[in-house]
Amino acid sequence: MSAFVKASVSARITEKLTQGLSPVSLKLIDESHHHAGHGHHHPEGETHFRVEVISEKFAGKNRIDRHRLINGLLAEELAGRVHALAISAWTPEEKSTL
């Protein structure tokens, strides 16, 4: 048996966002079960995600730039199995006022 074990899509997303954003908070939700029977659904899930992330790396960036940053970090996953990614991204200061 190989020593290499392929990480789940969720694990790879979490690792890349953690390394790239040093988040104060990161919540990744697999919403694939809501899309069963729809196009791009995979029987094992991990095709549709919601991410809620708080990071200082978003300071001075508008919503589009924050999404571009996250999409860039996850380019490999978005080009593969991940069909949809809903993003909520805040700085710690913004989140504290909500």
N, C-alpha and C. Protein backbone atom coordinates (compact mmCIF):
# COMPACT_ATOMS: atom_id res chain seq x y z
N MET A 1 0.84 -1.19 0.00
CA MET A 1 0.00 0.00 0.00
C MET A 1 0.88 1.24 0.00
N SER A 2 0.49 2.22 -0.75
CA SER A 2 1.27 3.45 -0.88
C SER A 2 1.18 4.28 0.39
N ALA A 3 2.27 4.98 0.69
CA ALA A 3 2.28 5.89 1.84
C ALA A 3 1.52 7.17 1.52
N PHE A 4 1.29 7.42 0.23
CA PHE A 4 0.58 8.62 -0.20
C PHE A 4 -0.92 8.38 -0.12
N VAL A 5 -1.61 9.22 0.58
CA VAL A 5 -3.07 9.15 0.66
C VAL A 5 -3.61 10.46 0.10
N LYS A 6 -4.49 10.35 -0.88
CA LYS A 6 -5.07 11.55 -1.49
C LYS A 6 -6.00 12.25 -0.49
N ALA A 7 -5.75 13.51 -0.25
CA ALA A 7 -6.56 14.28 0.68
C ALA A 7 -7.92 14.58 0.07
N SER A 8 -8.92 14.69 0.91
CA SER A 8 -10.25 15.05 0.43
C SER A 8 -10.22 16.47 -0.12
N VAL A 9 -11.20 16.78 -0.93
CA VAL A 9 -11.31 18.14 -1.48
C VAL A 9 -11.43 19.14 -0.33
N SER A 10 -12.25 18.83 0.66
CA SER A 10 -12.42 19.72 1.82
C SER A 10 -11.10 19.97 2.53
N ALA A 11 -10.32 18.91 2.71
CA ALA A 11 -9.03 19.05 3.40
C ALA A 11 -8.07 19.92 2.59
N ARG A 12 -8.06 19.75 1.27
CA ARG A 12 -7.17 20.56 0.43
C ARG A 12 -7.60 22.03 0.45
N ILE A 13 -8.90 22.29 0.38
CA ILE A 13 -9.40 23.66 0.42
C ILE A 13 -9.02 24.31 1.75
N THR A 14 -9.26 23.61 2.84
CA THR A 14 -8.94 24.13 4.16
C THR A 14 -7.45 24.42 4.29
N GLU A 15 -6.63 23.51 3.81
CA GLU A 15 -5.17 23.70 3.89
C GLU A 15 -4.72 24.91 3.08
N LYS A 16 -5.21 25.03 1.86
CA LYS A 16 -4.79 26.14 0.99
C LYS A 16 -5.26 27.49 1.53
N LEU A 17 -6.48 27.56 2.02
CA LEU A 17 -6.97 28.82 2.57
C LEU A 17 -6.24 29.18 3.87
N THR A 18 -5.93 28.19 4.67
CA THR A 18 -5.19 28.44 5.91
C THR A 18 -3.79 28.95 5.61
N GLN A 19 -3.11 28.31 4.65
CA GLN A 19 -1.76 28.74 4.29
C GLN A 19 -1.76 30.10 3.62
N GLY A 20 -2.73 30.35 2.75
CA GLY A 20 -2.74 31.59 1.98
C GLY A 20 -3.31 32.80 2.69
N LEU A 21 -4.17 32.57 3.67
CA LEU A 21 -4.87 33.69 4.30
C LEU A 21 -4.57 33.87 5.79
N SER A 22 -3.96 32.89 6.42
CA SER A 22 -3.73 32.94 7.88
C SER A 22 -4.99 33.45 8.59
N PRO A 23 -6.11 32.76 8.40
CA PRO A 23 -7.38 33.29 8.90
C PRO A 23 -7.51 33.28 10.42
N VAL A 24 -8.26 34.25 10.91
CA VAL A 24 -8.66 34.29 12.31
C VAL A 24 -9.74 33.23 12.51
N SER A 25 -10.57 33.05 11.49
CA SER A 25 -11.65 32.07 11.51
C SER A 25 -11.87 31.56 10.09
N LEU A 26 -12.12 30.26 9.97
CA LEU A 26 -12.39 29.66 8.67
C LEU A 26 -13.45 28.59 8.86
N LYS A 27 -14.54 28.72 8.13
CA LYS A 27 -15.61 27.74 8.18
C LYS A 27 -15.89 27.29 6.75
N LEU A 28 -15.77 25.99 6.50
CA LEU A 28 -16.02 25.43 5.18
C LEU A 28 -17.19 24.47 5.30
N ILE A 29 -18.22 24.71 4.50
CA ILE A 29 -19.44 23.91 4.55
C ILE A 29 -19.64 23.23 3.20
N ASP A 30 -19.77 21.91 3.22
CA ASP A 30 -20.06 21.15 2.01
C ASP A 30 -21.57 21.16 1.81
N GLU A 31 -22.02 21.85 0.77
CA GLU A 31 -23.45 21.96 0.48
C GLU A 31 -23.87 21.06 -0.69
N SER A 32 -23.02 20.11 -1.02
CA SER A 32 -23.26 19.26 -2.19
C SER A 32 -24.58 18.49 -2.10
N HIS A 33 -24.96 18.08 -0.91
CA HIS A 33 -26.19 17.30 -0.75
C HIS A 33 -27.43 18.09 -1.20
N HIS A 34 -27.35 19.40 -1.20
CA HIS A 34 -28.47 20.22 -1.67
C HIS A 34 -28.62 20.15 -3.19
N HIS A 35 -27.62 19.62 -3.86
CA HIS A 35 -27.60 19.62 -5.32
C HIS A 35 -27.68 18.22 -5.91
N ALA A 36 -28.04 17.24 -5.11
CA ALA A 36 -28.18 15.87 -5.59
C ALA A 36 -29.18 15.85 -6.74
N GLY A 37 -28.82 15.18 -7.81
CA GLY A 37 -29.68 15.09 -8.97
C GLY A 37 -29.51 16.23 -9.96
N HIS A 38 -28.77 17.25 -9.59
CA HIS A 38 -28.50 18.38 -10.49
C HIS A 38 -27.21 18.12 -11.26
N GLY A 39 -26.96 18.93 -12.25
CA GLY A 39 -25.72 18.83 -13.00
C GLY A 39 -24.52 19.07 -12.10
N HIS A 40 -23.42 18.44 -12.41
CA HIS A 40 -22.15 18.58 -11.71
C HIS A 40 -22.16 17.95 -10.32
N HIS A 41 -23.21 17.26 -9.95
CA HIS A 41 -23.22 16.58 -8.66
C HIS A 41 -22.37 15.32 -8.77
N HIS A 42 -21.60 15.04 -7.74
CA HIS A 42 -20.76 13.85 -7.67
C HIS A 42 -21.31 12.99 -6.54
N PRO A 43 -21.41 11.68 -6.74
CA PRO A 43 -21.99 10.83 -5.70
C PRO A 43 -21.28 10.93 -4.34
N GLU A 44 -20.01 11.25 -4.35
CA GLU A 44 -19.25 11.37 -3.10
C GLU A 44 -19.30 12.78 -2.53
N GLY A 45 -20.04 13.67 -3.17
CA GLY A 45 -20.14 15.04 -2.68
C GLY A 45 -18.91 15.85 -3.02
N GLU A 46 -18.67 16.88 -2.24
CA GLU A 46 -17.51 17.77 -2.40
C GLU A 46 -17.47 18.45 -3.77
N THR A 47 -18.64 18.94 -4.19
CA THR A 47 -18.72 19.69 -5.44
C THR A 47 -19.22 21.12 -5.23
N HIS A 48 -19.97 21.34 -4.18
CA HIS A 48 -20.57 22.64 -3.88
C HIS A 48 -20.22 23.03 -2.45
N PHE A 49 -19.55 24.16 -2.29
CA PHE A 49 -19.09 24.59 -0.97
C PHE A 49 -19.49 26.02 -0.66
N ARG A 50 -19.56 26.31 0.63
CA ARG A 50 -19.69 27.67 1.14
C ARG A 50 -18.51 27.87 2.07
N VAL A 51 -17.82 29.01 1.92
CA VAL A 51 -16.71 29.33 2.82
C VAL A 51 -16.99 30.67 3.49
N GLU A 52 -16.77 30.69 4.79
CA GLU A 52 -16.88 31.92 5.58
C GLU A 52 -15.52 32.11 6.23
N VAL A 53 -14.85 33.20 5.88
CA VAL A 53 -13.47 33.39 6.33
C VAL A 53 -13.23 34.81 6.82
N ILE A 54 -12.49 34.91 7.91
CA ILE A 54 -12.09 36.20 8.48
C ILE A 54 -10.57 36.25 8.46
N SER A 55 -10.02 37.28 7.79
CA SER A 55 -8.57 37.38 7.66
C SER A 55 -8.14 38.83 7.50
N GLU A 56 -6.99 39.15 8.08
CA GLU A 56 -6.38 40.47 7.89
C GLU A 56 -5.95 40.67 6.43
N LYS A 57 -5.77 39.58 5.69
CA LYS A 57 -5.33 39.68 4.28
C LYS A 57 -6.36 40.38 3.41
N PHE A 58 -7.57 40.54 3.92
CA PHE A 58 -8.62 41.22 3.15
C PHE A 58 -8.63 42.73 3.35
N ALA A 59 -7.83 43.22 4.27
CA ALA A 59 -7.79 44.66 4.55
C ALA A 59 -7.43 45.43 3.28
N GLY A 60 -8.20 46.45 2.97
CA GLY A 60 -7.95 47.28 1.80
C GLY A 60 -8.42 46.68 0.49
N LYS A 61 -9.04 45.50 0.53
CA LYS A 61 -9.53 44.84 -0.68
C LYS A 61 -11.06 44.91 -0.71
N ASN A 62 -11.60 45.16 -1.90
CA ASN A 62 -13.05 45.13 -2.04
C ASN A 62 -13.52 43.68 -2.18
N ARG A 63 -14.82 43.49 -2.25
CA ARG A 63 -15.38 42.13 -2.30
C ARG A 63 -14.88 41.34 -3.51
N ILE A 64 -14.80 41.98 -4.66
CA ILE A 64 -14.34 41.29 -5.86
C ILE A 64 -12.90 40.85 -5.71
N ASP A 65 -12.05 41.71 -5.18
CA ASP A 65 -10.64 41.35 -4.99
C ASP A 65 -10.48 40.23 -3.96
N ARG A 66 -11.32 40.21 -2.95
CA ARG A 66 -11.29 39.12 -1.96
C ARG A 66 -11.66 37.80 -2.62
N HIS A 67 -12.69 37.83 -3.45
CA HIS A 67 -13.10 36.62 -4.15
C HIS A 67 -12.01 36.16 -5.11
N ARG A 68 -11.39 37.10 -5.81
CA ARG A 68 -10.29 36.74 -6.72
C ARG A 68 -9.14 36.10 -5.96
N LEU A 69 -8.82 36.62 -4.79
CA LEU A 69 -7.75 36.06 -3.97
C LEU A 69 -8.08 34.61 -3.59
N ILE A 70 -9.28 34.38 -3.12
CA ILE A 70 -9.69 33.03 -2.73
C ILE A 70 -9.74 32.11 -3.95
N ASN A 71 -10.33 32.58 -5.03
CA ASN A 71 -10.40 31.77 -6.25
C ASN A 71 -9.01 31.42 -6.78
N GLY A 72 -8.07 32.35 -6.66
CA GLY A 72 -6.70 32.07 -7.07
C GLY A 72 -6.05 31.00 -6.23
N LEU A 73 -6.28 31.04 -4.93
CA LEU A 73 -5.73 30.02 -4.04
C LEU A 73 -6.31 28.64 -4.34
N LEU A 74 -7.54 28.62 -4.82
CA LEU A 74 -8.24 27.36 -5.06
C LEU A 74 -8.41 27.04 -6.55
N ALA A 75 -7.56 27.61 -7.38
CA ALA A 75 -7.69 27.44 -8.84
C ALA A 75 -7.73 25.97 -9.26
N GLU A 76 -6.88 25.16 -8.66
CA GLU A 76 -6.82 23.74 -9.03
C GLU A 76 -8.14 23.03 -8.70
N GLU A 77 -8.68 23.30 -7.53
CA GLU A 77 -9.94 22.67 -7.12
C GLU A 77 -11.11 23.16 -7.97
N LEU A 78 -11.12 24.46 -8.28
CA LEU A 78 -12.20 25.03 -9.09
C LEU A 78 -12.14 24.55 -10.54
N ALA A 79 -10.96 24.18 -11.01
CA ALA A 79 -10.82 23.65 -12.36
C ALA A 79 -11.16 22.16 -12.40
N GLY A 80 -11.29 21.56 -11.23
CA GLY A 80 -11.56 20.13 -11.14
C GLY A 80 -12.97 19.85 -10.65
N ARG A 81 -13.03 19.20 -9.51
CA ARG A 81 -14.29 18.68 -9.00
C ARG A 81 -15.23 19.75 -8.43
N VAL A 82 -14.69 20.83 -7.92
CA VAL A 82 -15.54 21.85 -7.30
C VAL A 82 -16.29 22.63 -8.38
N HIS A 83 -17.60 22.59 -8.30
CA HIS A 83 -18.44 23.26 -9.28
C HIS A 83 -18.89 24.64 -8.80
N ALA A 84 -19.09 24.78 -7.49
CA ALA A 84 -19.60 26.05 -6.95
C ALA A 84 -18.95 26.36 -5.61
N LEU A 85 -18.62 27.64 -5.42
CA LEU A 85 -18.03 28.10 -4.18
C LEU A 85 -18.67 29.44 -3.81
N ALA A 86 -19.48 29.44 -2.76
CA ALA A 86 -20.07 30.67 -2.24
C ALA A 86 -19.11 31.22 -1.20
N ILE A 87 -18.81 32.52 -1.27
CA ILE A 87 -17.78 33.12 -0.42
C ILE A 87 -18.34 34.26 0.40
N SER A 88 -18.05 34.21 1.70
CA SER A 88 -18.25 35.35 2.61
C SER A 88 -16.90 35.63 3.22
N ALA A 89 -16.36 36.82 2.99
CA ALA A 89 -14.99 37.15 3.43
C ALA A 89 -14.97 38.51 4.11
N TRP A 90 -14.44 38.53 5.34
CA TRP A 90 -14.39 39.76 6.12
C TRP A 90 -13.02 39.95 6.75
N THR A 91 -12.72 41.19 7.10
CA THR A 91 -11.59 41.46 7.99
C THR A 91 -12.11 41.27 9.41
N PRO A 92 -11.23 41.10 10.39
CA PRO A 92 -11.70 40.99 11.78
C PRO A 92 -12.51 42.21 12.22
N GLU A 93 -12.09 43.39 11.78
CA GLU A 93 -12.80 44.61 12.15
C GLU A 93 -14.22 44.64 11.59
N GLU A 94 -14.36 44.23 10.32
CA GLU A 94 -15.69 44.20 9.71
C GLU A 94 -16.61 43.21 10.42
N LYS A 95 -16.09 42.05 10.71
CA LYS A 95 -16.91 41.01 11.34
C LYS A 95 -17.35 41.43 12.74
N SER A 96 -16.52 42.18 13.43
CA SER A 96 -16.87 42.59 14.80
C SER A 96 -18.00 43.61 14.83
N THR A 97 -18.28 44.25 13.70
CA THR A 97 -19.36 45.24 13.65
C THR A 97 -20.67 44.67 13.12
N LEU A 98 -20.66 43.41 12.73
CA LEU A 98 -21.89 42.79 12.20
C LEU A 98 -22.79 42.30 13.30
